[in-house]
Amino acid sequence: MAWDEDASIELFNDGLDTGSALTELHDAWNSQVGALKEACAHISNHLDYTRAQRAKDNAYVETSMKKIGGDPMTVSRLNQYFH
């Protein structure tokens, strides 16, 4: 048990309404923290996916670009477009 749970039980057992209010606060806080952790995990997973997909897309573009004559474009030639 956390200190806030202990405190809420003691306050409730002493007949104070503050104990039940503290229990409600504790439960609400834990629920919100859990929701925040899930949201952060979702965002992190999405960023990991996006980074990996972007790397695949960049690799595809780099290897599929051709010169006007049809020959593959070299990396040094590609760098001219991005710097």
PDB file of N, CA and C in Angstrom:
ATOM      1  N   MET A   1       0.832  -1.186   0.000  1.00  0.00           N
ATOM      2  CA  MET A   1       0.000   0.000   0.000  1.00  0.00           C
ATOM      3  C   MET A   1       0.876   1.249   0.000  1.00  0.00           C
ATOM      4  N   ALA A   2       0.397   2.223  -0.705  1.00  0.00           N
ATOM      5  CA  ALA A   2       1.112   3.491  -0.745  1.00  0.00           C
ATOM      6  C   ALA A   2       0.716   4.326   0.466  1.00  0.00           C
ATOM      7  N   TRP A   3       1.534   5.326   0.736  1.00  0.00           N
ATOM      8  CA  TRP A   3       1.269   6.161   1.912  1.00  0.00           C
ATOM      9  C   TRP A   3      -0.090   6.837   1.826  1.00  0.00           C
ATOM     10  N   ASP A   4      -0.515   7.212   0.597  1.00  0.00           N
ATOM     11  CA  ASP A   4      -1.802   7.889   0.478  1.00  0.00           C
ATOM     12  C   ASP A   4      -2.968   6.942   0.754  1.00  0.00           C
ATOM     13  N   GLU A   5      -2.780   5.667   0.403  1.00  0.00           N
ATOM     14  CA  GLU A   5      -3.826   4.690   0.730  1.00  0.00           C
ATOM     15  C   GLU A   5      -3.904   4.477   2.243  1.00  0.00           C
ATOM     16  N   ASP A   6      -2.737   4.362   2.862  1.00  0.00           N
ATOM     17  CA  ASP A   6      -2.711   4.209   4.323  1.00  0.00           C
ATOM     18  C   ASP A   6      -3.387   5.394   5.006  1.00  0.00           C
ATOM     19  N   ALA A   7      -3.055   6.587   4.525  1.00  0.00           N
ATOM     20  CA  ALA A   7      -3.629   7.797   5.120  1.00  0.00           C
ATOM     21  C   ALA A   7      -5.138   7.832   4.924  1.00  0.00           C
ATOM     22  N   SER A   8      -5.603   7.456   3.745  1.00  0.00           N
ATOM     23  CA  SER A   8      -7.050   7.501   3.489  1.00  0.00           C
ATOM     24  C   SER A   8      -7.793   6.503   4.375  1.00  0.00           C
ATOM     25  N   ILE A   9      -7.208   5.330   4.582  1.00  0.00           N
ATOM     26  CA  ILE A   9      -7.846   4.320   5.438  1.00  0.00           C
ATOM     27  C   ILE A   9      -7.906   4.809   6.884  1.00  0.00           C
ATOM     28  N   GLU A  10      -6.803   5.375   7.344  1.00  0.00           N
ATOM     29  CA  GLU A  10      -6.774   5.876   8.724  1.00  0.00           C
ATOM     30  C   GLU A  10      -7.776   7.011   8.918  1.00  0.00           C
ATOM     31  N   LEU A  11      -7.834   7.918   7.953  1.00  0.00           N
ATOM     32  CA  LEU A  11      -8.788   9.028   8.053  1.00  0.00           C
ATOM     33  C   LEU A  11     -10.230   8.517   8.023  1.00  0.00           C
ATOM     34  N   PHE A  12     -10.488   7.551   7.137  1.00  0.00           N
ATOM     35  CA  PHE A  12     -11.828   6.980   7.040  1.00  0.00           C
ATOM     36  C   PHE A  12     -12.199   6.260   8.342  1.00  0.00           C
ATOM     37  N   ASN A  13     -11.264   5.483   8.876  1.00  0.00           N
ATOM     38  CA  ASN A  13     -11.515   4.747  10.124  1.00  0.00           C
ATOM     39  C   ASN A  13     -11.719   5.696  11.311  1.00  0.00           C
ATOM     40  N   ASP A  14     -11.154   6.880  11.235  1.00  0.00           N
ATOM     41  CA  ASP A  14     -11.356   7.879  12.286  1.00  0.00           C
ATOM     42  C   ASP A  14     -12.671   8.642  12.101  1.00  0.00           C
ATOM     43  N   GLY A  15     -13.432   8.270  11.061  1.00  0.00           N
ATOM     44  CA  GLY A  15     -14.727   8.887  10.837  1.00  0.00           C
ATOM     45  C   GLY A  15     -14.677  10.190  10.067  1.00  0.00           C
ATOM     46  N   LEU A  16     -13.578  10.452   9.376  1.00  0.00           N
ATOM     47  CA  LEU A  16     -13.450  11.701   8.628  1.00  0.00           C
ATOM     48  C   LEU A  16     -13.777  11.463   7.145  1.00  0.00           C
ATOM     49  N   ASP A  17     -14.565  12.359   6.589  1.00  0.00           N
ATOM     50  CA  ASP A  17     -14.926  12.259   5.170  1.00  0.00           C
ATOM     51  C   ASP A  17     -13.707  12.423   4.265  1.00  0.00           C
ATOM     52  N   THR A  18     -12.678  13.033   4.781  1.00  0.00           N
ATOM     53  CA  THR A  18     -11.464  13.248   4.004  1.00  0.00           C
ATOM     54  C   THR A  18     -10.859  11.922   3.552  1.00  0.00           C
ATOM     55  N   GLY A  19     -11.041  10.882   4.358  1.00  0.00           N
ATOM     56  CA  GLY A  19     -10.494   9.571   4.007  1.00  0.00           C
ATOM     57  C   GLY A  19     -11.084   9.031   2.722  1.00  0.00           C
ATOM     58  N   SER A  20     -12.410   9.078   2.595  1.00  0.00           N
ATOM     59  CA  SER A  20     -13.027   8.571   1.358  1.00  0.00           C
ATOM     60  C   SER A  20     -12.695   9.481   0.174  1.00  0.00           C
ATOM     61  N   ALA A  21     -12.603  10.783   0.428  1.00  0.00           N
ATOM     62  CA  ALA A  21     -12.233  11.712  -0.643  1.00  0.00           C
ATOM     63  C   ALA A  21     -10.812  11.430  -1.131  1.00  0.00           C
ATOM     64  N   LEU A  22      -9.917  11.135  -0.194  1.00  0.00           N
ATOM     65  CA  LEU A  22      -8.544  10.822  -0.558  1.00  0.00           C
ATOM     66  C   LEU A  22      -8.480   9.506  -1.343  1.00  0.00           C
ATOM     67  N   THR A  23      -9.321   8.552  -0.984  1.00  0.00           N
ATOM     68  CA  THR A  23      -9.379   7.284  -1.730  1.00  0.00           C
ATOM     69  C   THR A  23      -9.854   7.530  -3.161  1.00  0.00           C
ATOM     70  N   GLU A  24     -10.880   8.365  -3.312  1.00  0.00           N
ATOM     71  CA  GLU A  24     -11.367   8.699  -4.658  1.00  0.00           C
ATOM     72  C   GLU A  24     -10.284   9.393  -5.470  1.00  0.00           C
ATOM     73  N   LEU A  25      -9.574  10.300  -4.840  1.00  0.00           N
ATOM     74  CA  LEU A  25      -8.489  11.010  -5.515  1.00  0.00           C
ATOM     75  C   LEU A  25      -7.400  10.027  -5.935  1.00  0.00           C
ATOM     76  N   HIS A  26      -7.045   9.131  -5.045  1.00  0.00           N
ATOM     77  CA  HIS A  26      -6.020   8.129  -5.334  1.00  0.00           C
ATOM     78  C   HIS A  26      -6.428   7.279  -6.533  1.00  0.00           C
ATOM     79  N   ASP A  27      -7.667   6.803  -6.554  1.00  0.00           N
ATOM     80  CA  ASP A  27      -8.145   5.965  -7.651  1.00  0.00           C
ATOM     81  C   ASP A  27      -8.183   6.729  -8.968  1.00  0.00           C
ATOM     82  N   ALA A  28      -8.656   7.984  -8.914  1.00  0.00           N
ATOM     83  CA  ALA A  28      -8.713   8.804 -10.125  1.00  0.00           C
ATOM     84  C   ALA A  28      -7.304   9.079 -10.655  1.00  0.00           C
ATOM     85  N   TRP A  29      -6.398   9.375  -9.751  1.00  0.00           N
ATOM     86  CA  TRP A  29      -5.011   9.655 -10.146  1.00  0.00           C
ATOM     87  C   TRP A  29      -4.399   8.430 -10.831  1.00  0.00           C
ATOM     88  N   ASN A  30      -4.568   7.251 -10.228  1.00  0.00           N
ATOM     89  CA  ASN A  30      -4.009   6.035 -10.823  1.00  0.00           C
ATOM     90  C   ASN A  30      -4.618   5.754 -12.192  1.00  0.00           C
ATOM     91  N   SER A  31      -5.899   6.005 -12.331  1.00  0.00           N
ATOM     92  CA  SER A  31      -6.555   5.809 -13.612  1.00  0.00           C
ATOM     93  C   SER A  31      -5.985   6.752 -14.670  1.00  0.00           C
ATOM     94  N   GLN A  32      -5.812   8.014 -14.302  1.00  0.00           N
ATOM     95  CA  GLN A  32      -5.275   8.998 -15.240  1.00  0.00           C
ATOM     96  C   GLN A  32      -3.823   8.698 -15.597  1.00  0.00           C
ATOM     97  N   VAL A  33      -3.042   8.272 -14.630  1.00  0.00           N
ATOM     98  CA  VAL A  33      -1.646   7.919 -14.898  1.00  0.00           C
ATOM     99  C   VAL A  33      -1.586   6.743 -15.863  1.00  0.00           C
ATOM    100  N   GLY A  34      -2.456   5.762 -15.668  1.00  0.00           N
ATOM    101  CA  GLY A  34      -2.508   4.615 -16.578  1.00  0.00           C
ATOM    102  C   GLY A  34      -2.872   5.040 -17.990  1.00  0.00           C
ATOM    103  N   ALA A  35      -3.841   5.930 -18.121  1.00  0.00           N
ATOM    104  CA  ALA A  35      -4.245   6.418 -19.442  1.00  0.00           C
ATOM    105  C   ALA A  35      -3.107   7.189 -20.106  1.00  0.00           C
ATOM    106  N   LEU A  36      -2.395   7.985 -19.318  1.00  0.00           N
ATOM    107  CA  LEU A  36      -1.269   8.748 -19.856  1.00  0.00           C
ATOM    108  C   LEU A  36      -0.151   7.817 -20.329  1.00  0.00           C
ATOM    109  N   LYS A  37       0.136   6.774 -19.559  1.00  0.00           N
ATOM    110  CA  LYS A  37       1.164   5.809 -19.962  1.00  0.00           C
ATOM    111  C   LYS A  37       0.780   5.120 -21.269  1.00  0.00           C
ATOM    112  N   GLU A  38      -0.488   4.743 -21.400  1.00  0.00           N
ATOM    113  CA  GLU A  38      -0.952   4.107 -22.636  1.00  0.00           C
ATOM    114  C   GLU A  38      -0.820   5.058 -23.818  1.00  0.00           C
ATOM    115  N   ALA A  39      -1.169   6.323 -23.620  1.00  0.00           N
ATOM    116  CA  ALA A  39      -1.060   7.307 -24.696  1.00  0.00           C
ATOM    117  C   ALA A  39       0.391   7.499 -25.110  1.00  0.00           C
ATOM    118  N   CYS A  40       1.289   7.576 -24.141  1.00  0.00           N
ATOM    119  CA  CYS A  40       2.716   7.735 -24.444  1.00  0.00           C
ATOM    120  C   CYS A  40       3.257   6.520 -25.196  1.00  0.00           C
ATOM    121  N   ALA A  41       2.832   5.334 -24.799  1.00  0.00           N
ATOM    122  CA  ALA A  41       3.263   4.112 -25.486  1.00  0.00           C
ATOM    123  C   ALA A  41       2.755   4.110 -26.925  1.00  0.00           C
ATOM    124  N   HIS A  42       1.522   4.538 -27.126  1.00  0.00           N
ATOM    125  CA  HIS A  42       0.950   4.595 -28.470  1.00  0.00           C
ATOM    126  C   HIS A  42       1.733   5.575 -29.343  1.00  0.00           C
ATOM    127  N   ILE A  43       2.031   6.743 -28.809  1.00  0.00           N
ATOM    128  CA  ILE A  43       2.798   7.744 -29.551  1.00  0.00           C
ATOM    129  C   ILE A  43       4.194   7.216 -29.872  1.00  0.00           C
ATOM    130  N   SER A  44       4.828   6.586 -28.893  1.00  0.00           N
ATOM    131  CA  SER A  44       6.169   6.036 -29.103  1.00  0.00           C
ATOM    132  C   SER A  44       6.161   4.971 -30.199  1.00  0.00           C
ATOM    133  N   ASN A  45       5.183   4.083 -30.161  1.00  0.00           N
ATOM    134  CA  ASN A  45       5.083   3.040 -31.188  1.00  0.00           C
ATOM    135  C   ASN A  45       4.869   3.657 -32.566  1.00  0.00           C
ATOM    136  N   HIS A  46       4.027   4.685 -32.630  1.00  0.00           N
ATOM    137  CA  HIS A  46       3.770   5.340 -33.911  1.00  0.00           C
ATOM    138  C   HIS A  46       5.036   6.012 -34.440  1.00  0.00           C
ATOM    139  N   LEU A  47       5.796   6.670 -33.565  1.00  0.00           N
ATOM    140  CA  LEU A  47       7.031   7.311 -33.997  1.00  0.00           C
ATOM    141  C   LEU A  47       8.052   6.280 -34.489  1.00  0.00           C
ATOM    142  N   ASP A  48       8.147   5.144 -33.787  1.00  0.00           N
ATOM    143  CA  ASP A  48       9.058   4.078 -34.229  1.00  0.00           C
ATOM    144  C   ASP A  48       8.663   3.575 -35.617  1.00  0.00           C
ATOM    145  N   TYR A  49       7.364   3.355 -35.812  1.00  0.00           N
ATOM    146  CA  TYR A  49       6.872   2.883 -37.108  1.00  0.00           C
ATOM    147  C   TYR A  49       7.157   3.914 -38.191  1.00  0.00           C
ATOM    148  N   THR A  50       6.872   5.179 -37.904  1.00  0.00           N
ATOM    149  CA  THR A  50       7.067   6.246 -38.883  1.00  0.00           C
ATOM    150  C   THR A  50       8.534   6.363 -39.280  1.00  0.00           C
ATOM    151  N   ARG A  51       9.427   6.301 -38.293  1.00  0.00           N
ATOM    152  CA  ARG A  51      10.865   6.384 -38.570  1.00  0.00           C
ATOM    153  C   ARG A  51      11.308   5.228 -39.464  1.00  0.00           C
ATOM    154  N   ALA A  52      10.864   4.014 -39.159  1.00  0.00           N
ATOM    155  CA  ALA A  52      11.245   2.847 -39.961  1.00  0.00           C
ATOM    156  C   ALA A  52      10.674   2.956 -41.376  1.00  0.00           C
ATOM    157  N   GLN A  53       9.429   3.374 -41.484  1.00  0.00           N
ATOM    158  CA  GLN A  53       8.806   3.497 -42.806  1.00  0.00           C
ATOM    159  C   GLN A  53       9.483   4.583 -43.626  1.00  0.00           C
ATOM    160  N   ARG A  54       9.834   5.676 -42.988  1.00  0.00           N
ATOM    161  CA  ARG A  54      10.524   6.773 -43.697  1.00  0.00           C
ATOM    162  C   ARG A  54      11.869   6.294 -44.231  1.00  0.00           C
ATOM    163  N   ALA A  55      12.592   5.509 -43.448  1.00  0.00           N
ATOM    164  CA  ALA A  55      13.881   4.978 -43.903  1.00  0.00           C
ATOM    165  C   ALA A  55      13.677   4.070 -45.119  1.00  0.00           C
ATOM    166  N   LYS A  56      12.634   3.237 -45.088  1.00  0.00           N
ATOM    167  CA  LYS A  56      12.334   2.363 -46.239  1.00  0.00           C
ATOM    168  C   LYS A  56      11.973   3.193 -47.462  1.00  0.00           C
ATOM    169  N   ASP A  57      11.146   4.217 -47.266  1.00  0.00           N
ATOM    170  CA  ASP A  57      10.740   5.078 -48.384  1.00  0.00           C
ATOM    171  C   ASP A  57      11.944   5.792 -48.987  1.00  0.00           C
ATOM    172  N   ASN A  58      12.824   6.309 -48.134  1.00  0.00           N
ATOM    173  CA  ASN A  58      14.023   6.995 -48.623  1.00  0.00           C
ATOM    174  C   ASN A  58      14.928   6.040 -49.399  1.00  0.00           C
ATOM    175  N   ALA A  59      15.092   4.834 -48.882  1.00  0.00           N
ATOM    176  CA  ALA A  59      15.925   3.848 -49.574  1.00  0.00           C
ATOM    177  C   ALA A  59      15.324   3.516 -50.946  1.00  0.00           C
ATOM    178  N   TYR A  60      14.017   3.386 -50.997  1.00  0.00           N
ATOM    179  CA  TYR A  60      13.357   3.089 -52.268  1.00  0.00           C
ATOM    180  C   TYR A  60      13.568   4.225 -53.268  1.00  0.00           C
ATOM    181  N   VAL A  61      13.382   5.456 -52.827  1.00  0.00           N
ATOM    182  CA  VAL A  61      13.545   6.606 -53.717  1.00  0.00           C
ATOM    183  C   VAL A  61      14.987   6.688 -54.211  1.00  0.00           C
ATOM    184  N   GLU A  62      15.929   6.500 -53.293  1.00  0.00           N
ATOM    185  CA  GLU A  62      17.340   6.588 -53.674  1.00  0.00           C
ATOM    186  C   GLU A  62      17.722   5.528 -54.697  1.00  0.00           C
ATOM    187  N   THR A  63      17.185   4.335 -54.570  1.00  0.00           N
ATOM    188  CA  THR A  63      17.567   3.254 -55.488  1.00  0.00           C
ATOM    189  C   THR A  63      16.737   3.237 -56.764  1.00  0.00           C
ATOM    190  N   SER A  64      15.635   3.943 -56.797  1.00  0.00           N
ATOM    191  CA  SER A  64      14.784   3.893 -57.983  1.00  0.00           C
ATOM    192  C   SER A  64      14.907   5.126 -58.875  1.00  0.00           C
ATOM    193  N   MET A  65      15.613   6.164 -58.414  1.00  0.00           N
ATOM    194  CA  MET A  65      15.757   7.366 -59.248  1.00  0.00           C
ATOM    195  C   MET A  65      16.703   7.075 -60.408  1.00  0.00           C
ATOM    196  N   LYS A  66      16.299   7.518 -61.579  1.00  0.00           N
ATOM    197  CA  LYS A  66      17.084   7.277 -62.797  1.00  0.00           C
ATOM    198  C   LYS A  66      17.422   8.604 -63.468  1.00  0.00           C
ATOM    199  N   LYS A  67      18.513   8.602 -64.191  1.00  0.00           N
ATOM    200  CA  LYS A  67      18.861   9.746 -65.021  1.00  0.00           C
ATOM    201  C   LYS A  67      17.935   9.735 -66.244  1.00  0.00           C
ATOM    202  N   ILE A  68      17.983  10.810 -66.999  1.00  0.00           N
ATOM    203  CA  ILE A  68      17.133  10.891 -68.181  1.00  0.00           C
ATOM    204  C   ILE A  68      17.379   9.713 -69.120  1.00  0.00           C
ATOM    205  N   GLY A  69      18.612   9.267 -69.206  1.00  0.00           N
ATOM    206  CA  GLY A  69      18.959   8.156 -70.097  1.00  0.00           C
ATOM    207  C   GLY A  69      18.543   6.789 -69.558  1.00  0.00           C
ATOM    208  N   GLY A  70      18.085   6.715 -68.300  1.00  0.00           N
ATOM    209  CA  GLY A  70      17.647   5.450 -67.721  1.00  0.00           C
ATOM    210  C   GLY A  70      18.630   4.820 -66.764  1.00  0.00           C
ATOM    211  N   ASP A  71      19.868   5.341 -66.714  1.00  0.00           N
ATOM    212  CA  ASP A  71      20.864   4.794 -65.792  1.00  0.00           C
ATOM    213  C   ASP A  71      20.526   5.226 -64.369  1.00  0.00           C
ATOM    214  N   PRO A  72      20.913   4.380 -63.380  1.00  0.00           N
ATOM    215  CA  PRO A  72      20.648   4.770 -61.976  1.00  0.00           C
ATOM    216  C   PRO A  72      21.379   6.057 -61.620  1.00  0.00           C
ATOM    217  N   MET A  73      20.745   6.881 -60.820  1.00  0.00           N
ATOM    218  CA  MET A  73      21.352   8.130 -60.373  1.00  0.00           C
ATOM    219  C   MET A  73      22.266   7.821 -59.186  1.00  0.00           C
ATOM    220  N   THR A  74      23.455   8.380 -59.176  1.00  0.00           N
ATOM    221  CA  THR A  74      24.399   8.115 -58.092  1.00  0.00           C
ATOM    222  C   THR A  74      24.018   8.918 -56.839  1.00  0.00           C
ATOM    223  N   VAL A  75      24.522   8.469 -55.704  1.00  0.00           N
ATOM    224  CA  VAL A  75      24.250   9.150 -54.442  1.00  0.00           C
ATOM    225  C   VAL A  75      24.776  10.572 -54.490  1.00  0.00           C
ATOM    226  N   SER A  76      25.957  10.781 -55.089  1.00  0.00           N
ATOM    227  CA  SER A  76      26.513  12.131 -55.163  1.00  0.00           C
ATOM    228  C   SER A  76      25.588  13.039 -55.974  1.00  0.00           C
ATOM    229  N   ARG A  77      24.961  12.492 -56.975  1.00  0.00           N
ATOM    230  CA  ARG A  77      24.022  13.269 -57.791  1.00  0.00           C
ATOM    231  C   ARG A  77      22.765  13.593 -56.960  1.00  0.00           C
ATOM    232  N   LEU A  78      22.317  12.642 -56.159  1.00  0.00           N
ATOM    233  CA  LEU A  78      21.151  12.869 -55.310  1.00  0.00           C
ATOM    234  C   LEU A  78      21.422  13.958 -54.278  1.00  0.00           C
ATOM    235  N   ASN A  79      22.634  13.991 -53.746  1.00  0.00           N
ATOM    236  CA  ASN A  79      22.978  14.979 -52.727  1.00  0.00           C
ATOM    237  C   ASN A  79      22.819  16.409 -53.238  1.00  0.00           C
ATOM    238  N   GLN A  80      22.960  16.612 -54.547  1.00  0.00           N
ATOM    239  CA  GLN A  80      22.778  17.947 -55.093  1.00  0.00           C
ATOM    240  C   GLN A  80      21.359  18.463 -54.863  1.00  0.00           C
ATOM    241  N   TYR A  81      20.411  17.565 -54.809  1.00  0.00           N
ATOM    242  CA  TYR A  81      19.019  17.955 -54.637  1.00  0.00           C
ATOM    243  C   TYR A  81      18.667  18.252 -53.179  1.00  0.00           C
ATOM    244  N   PHE A  82      19.454  17.761 -52.243  1.00  0.00           N
ATOM    245  CA  PHE A  82      19.099  17.872 -50.826  1.00  0.00           C
ATOM    246  C   PHE A  82      19.999  18.798 -50.032  1.00  0.00           C
ATOM    247  N   HIS A  83      21.038  19.356 -50.647  1.00  0.00           N
ATOM    248  CA  HIS A  83      21.931  20.254 -49.892  1.00  0.00           C
ATOM    249  C   HIS A  83      21.907  21.636 -50.459  1.00  0.00           C
TER     250      HIS A  83
END
